[in-house]
Amino acid sequence: MGAGTGFYITGDPEADGLLDRDPLALLLGMMLDQQVPMEWAFASPAKLAERLGGSLDAGAMTTMAPEALEEAFRDKPSLHRYPGSMARRAQELCRHLVEHYGGRAEAVWEGVASGEELRARLQALPGFGAEKARIFLAVLAKRRGVRPPGWEEAAAPFSDDQRRSVADVTSPETLQEVRAFKQAKKAAGKTKAD
């Protein structure tokens, strides 16, 4: 992915740096971003890499015994509120990457012809539904410069200028703005897409 955009999601420069350098870490962080604070979800790939010997590899994670991967997720501090199910989902995601993209997370978005094609590829990933696919498309566009034709429509409403998701977090201040936006929407009985 290369350096340069300076992710600020976790507050930990090493964990954020891994998100910036490693496409699989970023994809896993997004997959884990449910039912836990986003900082926890996106910091977990760095902890997982450390527990797996220093790096993340989709092929290696696919061939691991499921119990071993679950143990890596469960070790203290656990990588998610639901470490067992998320370990299984991470292994499913890695298996999908190996089967469809040669084990390369970045191949999901490389060479796509349109925003709609990219959204469909993302939504097909285990652990990614329609909203998560749109949010991650916005992350790729806003934070990584991956902007196939029509990406704004395919990522809407997360492609707008409203700080509503992880795609809009660039500093401690914008993290608080996103958190405040989500809390206001929840209090109003709406979602971050409304």
Protein backbone atom coordinates (compact mmCIF):
# COMPACT_ATOMS: atom_id res chain seq x y z
CA MET A 1 0.00 0.00 0.00
CA GLY A 2 2.85 2.30 0.65
CA ALA A 3 3.38 4.98 3.20
CA GLY A 4 2.10 8.47 3.18
CA THR A 5 -1.51 8.82 4.24
CA GLY A 6 -0.81 8.49 7.93
CA PHE A 7 -3.70 6.45 9.26
CA TYR A 8 -4.88 7.61 12.64
CA ILE A 9 -7.41 5.13 13.92
CA THR A 10 -5.93 3.32 16.91
CA GLY A 11 -3.87 6.02 18.60
CA ASP A 12 -0.92 3.60 18.49
CA PRO A 13 1.60 4.70 15.84
CA GLU A 14 2.83 1.13 15.26
CA ALA A 15 -0.68 -0.30 14.82
CA ASP A 16 -1.67 2.61 12.57
CA GLY A 17 1.55 2.19 10.60
CA LEU A 18 0.72 -1.46 9.96
CA LEU A 19 -2.70 -0.43 8.60
CA ASP A 20 -0.91 1.97 6.27
CA ARG A 21 1.63 -0.61 5.06
CA ASP A 22 -0.26 -3.90 5.06
CA PRO A 23 -3.46 -4.29 3.00
CA LEU A 24 -4.41 -7.48 4.87
CA ALA A 25 -4.14 -5.68 8.22
CA LEU A 26 -6.46 -2.95 6.96
CA LEU A 27 -8.95 -5.48 5.60
CA LEU A 28 -8.90 -7.48 8.86
CA GLY A 29 -9.35 -4.31 10.90
CA MET A 30 -12.42 -3.42 8.87
CA MET A 31 -13.80 -6.94 9.24
CA LEU A 32 -13.35 -6.73 13.03
CA ASP A 33 -15.01 -3.29 13.21
CA GLN A 34 -18.33 -4.42 14.64
CA GLN A 35 -19.64 -4.46 18.19
CA VAL A 36 -16.35 -3.05 19.52
CA PRO A 37 -14.84 0.45 19.43
CA MET A 38 -13.10 1.13 16.12
CA GLU A 39 -9.76 1.69 17.89
CA TRP A 40 -9.94 -1.85 19.32
CA ALA A 41 -10.91 -3.38 15.97
CA PHE A 42 -8.18 -1.65 13.98
CA ALA A 43 -5.47 -2.20 16.63
CA SER A 44 -6.15 -5.96 16.62
CA PRO A 45 -4.31 -6.78 13.35
CA ALA A 46 -1.03 -5.52 14.85
CA LYS A 47 -1.58 -7.67 17.94
CA LEU A 48 -2.48 -10.63 15.74
CA ALA A 49 0.65 -10.16 13.63
CA GLU A 50 2.75 -10.14 16.81
CA ARG A 51 1.09 -13.34 18.04
CA LEU A 52 1.62 -15.03 14.66
CA GLY A 53 5.36 -14.39 14.54
CA GLY A 54 5.54 -10.80 13.34
CA SER A 55 3.50 -10.64 10.14
CA LEU A 56 0.13 -11.37 8.59
CA ASP A 57 -0.13 -13.83 5.71
CA ALA A 58 -3.48 -14.93 4.27
CA GLY A 59 -2.10 -18.26 3.06
CA ALA A 60 -0.58 -19.11 6.43
CA MET A 61 -3.75 -18.10 8.27
CA THR A 62 -5.82 -20.28 5.93
CA THR A 63 -3.78 -23.39 6.72
CA MET A 64 -3.58 -22.81 10.49
CA ALA A 65 -5.51 -25.16 12.72
CA PRO A 66 -8.72 -23.25 13.59
CA GLU A 67 -8.02 -23.81 17.30
CA ALA A 68 -4.59 -22.18 17.00
CA LEU A 69 -6.03 -19.09 15.34
CA GLU A 70 -8.81 -18.93 17.93
CA GLU A 71 -6.18 -19.10 20.67
CA ALA A 72 -4.35 -16.15 19.08
CA PHE A 73 -7.62 -14.20 19.12
CA ARG A 74 -8.46 -15.22 22.70
CA ASP A 75 -5.05 -14.49 24.31
CA LYS A 76 -5.17 -11.51 26.65
CA PRO A 77 -6.00 -8.92 25.66
CA SER A 78 -8.49 -10.58 23.33
CA LEU A 79 -8.69 -9.22 19.81
CA HIS A 80 -12.48 -8.86 19.85
CA ARG A 81 -15.48 -9.14 22.14
CA TYR A 82 -16.28 -12.39 20.25
CA PRO A 83 -12.82 -13.84 19.64
CA GLY A 84 -13.93 -17.33 18.59
CA SER A 85 -16.38 -16.26 15.91
CA MET A 86 -14.06 -13.50 14.67
CA ALA A 87 -11.14 -15.94 14.40
CA ARG A 88 -13.33 -18.18 12.24
CA ARG A 89 -14.44 -15.22 10.14
CA ALA A 90 -10.81 -14.05 9.72
CA GLN A 91 -9.87 -17.52 8.51
CA GLU A 92 -12.84 -17.48 6.06
CA LEU A 93 -11.73 -14.07 4.79
CA CYS A 94 -8.16 -15.31 4.28
CA ARG A 95 -9.45 -18.44 2.51
CA HIS A 96 -11.49 -16.22 0.17
CA LEU A 97 -8.41 -14.10 -0.54
CA VAL A 98 -6.35 -17.21 -1.33
CA GLU A 99 -9.03 -18.74 -3.55
CA HIS A 100 -9.97 -15.58 -5.47
CA TYR A 101 -7.01 -13.18 -5.20
CA GLY A 102 -3.87 -15.27 -4.83
CA GLY A 103 -3.76 -14.46 -1.11
CA ARG A 104 -3.20 -10.74 -1.80
CA ALA A 105 -5.67 -8.42 -0.08
CA GLU A 106 -4.78 -5.52 -2.39
CA ALA A 107 -5.80 -7.63 -5.41
CA VAL A 108 -9.40 -7.08 -4.28
CA TRP A 109 -9.16 -3.46 -5.42
CA GLU A 110 -6.40 -3.55 -8.01
CA GLY A 111 -7.54 -3.13 -11.60
CA VAL A 112 -11.25 -2.68 -10.92
CA ALA A 113 -13.11 -0.91 -13.73
CA SER A 114 -15.75 0.83 -11.61
CA GLY A 115 -16.84 1.73 -8.13
CA GLU A 116 -19.72 -0.69 -8.46
CA GLU A 117 -17.34 -3.55 -9.33
CA LEU A 118 -15.22 -2.73 -6.28
CA ARG A 119 -18.27 -2.51 -4.02
CA ALA A 120 -19.44 -5.92 -5.28
CA ARG A 121 -15.99 -7.45 -4.68
CA LEU A 122 -15.89 -6.04 -1.15
CA GLN A 123 -19.42 -7.16 -0.35
CA ALA A 124 -18.52 -10.71 -1.43
CA LEU A 125 -15.81 -10.88 1.27
CA PRO A 126 -16.67 -12.95 4.37
CA GLY A 127 -17.58 -10.56 7.18
CA PHE A 128 -18.51 -7.72 4.83
CA GLY A 129 -22.12 -6.74 4.28
CA ALA A 130 -23.50 -3.92 2.14
CA GLU A 131 -22.73 -1.09 4.57
CA LYS A 132 -19.26 -2.35 5.50
CA ALA A 133 -18.42 -2.69 1.80
CA ARG A 134 -19.44 0.94 1.17
CA ILE A 135 -17.47 2.17 4.19
CA PHE A 136 -14.34 0.27 3.15
CA LEU A 137 -14.70 1.57 -0.41
CA ALA A 138 -14.70 5.07 1.12
CA VAL A 139 -11.60 4.16 3.18
CA LEU A 140 -9.82 3.06 0.01
CA ALA A 141 -10.85 6.21 -1.87
CA LYS A 142 -10.29 8.79 0.87
CA ARG A 143 -7.26 7.28 2.58
CA ARG A 144 -5.54 5.24 -0.17
CA GLY A 145 -6.43 7.09 -3.38
CA VAL A 146 -8.23 4.07 -4.89
CA ARG A 147 -10.92 5.89 -6.88
CA PRO A 148 -12.34 3.91 -9.78
CA PRO A 149 -14.98 5.70 -11.88
CA GLY A 150 -18.25 5.91 -9.96
CA TRP A 151 -16.72 5.28 -6.56
CA GLU A 152 -18.69 8.15 -4.99
CA GLU A 153 -22.04 6.60 -5.92
CA ALA A 154 -20.92 3.08 -4.97
CA ALA A 155 -19.72 4.25 -1.53
CA ALA A 156 -22.59 6.70 -0.83
CA PRO A 157 -23.28 8.14 1.64
CA PHE A 158 -19.79 7.43 3.03
CA SER A 159 -18.18 9.27 0.09
CA ASP A 160 -19.52 12.65 1.23
CA ASP A 161 -17.74 15.22 3.40
CA GLN A 162 -19.65 14.38 6.60
CA ARG A 163 -17.34 12.77 9.15
CA ARG A 164 -19.43 9.64 9.67
CA SER A 165 -17.11 6.61 9.51
CA VAL A 166 -13.57 5.30 9.88
CA ALA A 167 -12.93 6.57 6.33
CA ASP A 168 -12.99 10.11 7.76
CA VAL A 169 -10.63 9.59 10.71
CA THR A 170 -7.32 11.39 10.14
CA SER A 171 -6.50 12.73 13.61
CA PRO A 172 -7.58 12.57 17.27
CA GLU A 173 -9.99 15.43 16.53
CA THR A 174 -11.66 13.76 13.55
CA LEU A 175 -11.93 10.52 15.54
CA GLN A 176 -13.95 12.43 18.15
CA GLU A 177 -16.08 14.05 15.41
CA VAL A 178 -16.92 10.61 13.95
CA ARG A 179 -17.72 9.28 17.42
CA ALA A 180 -19.98 12.30 18.14
CA PHE A 181 -21.74 11.87 14.78
CA LYS A 182 -22.42 8.17 15.49
CA GLN A 183 -23.70 8.94 19.00
CA ALA A 184 -26.03 11.67 17.71
CA LYS A 185 -27.43 9.35 15.02
CA LYS A 186 -27.93 6.55 17.55
CA ALA A 187 -29.70 8.92 19.96
CA ALA A 188 -32.00 9.97 17.09
CA GLY A 189 -32.72 6.33 16.22
CA LYS A 190 -30.86 6.57 12.91
CA THR A 191 -27.80 4.88 11.42
CA LYS A 192 -24.55 6.50 10.29
CA ALA A 193 -25.79 6.07 6.71
CA ASP A 194 -28.85 8.30 7.34
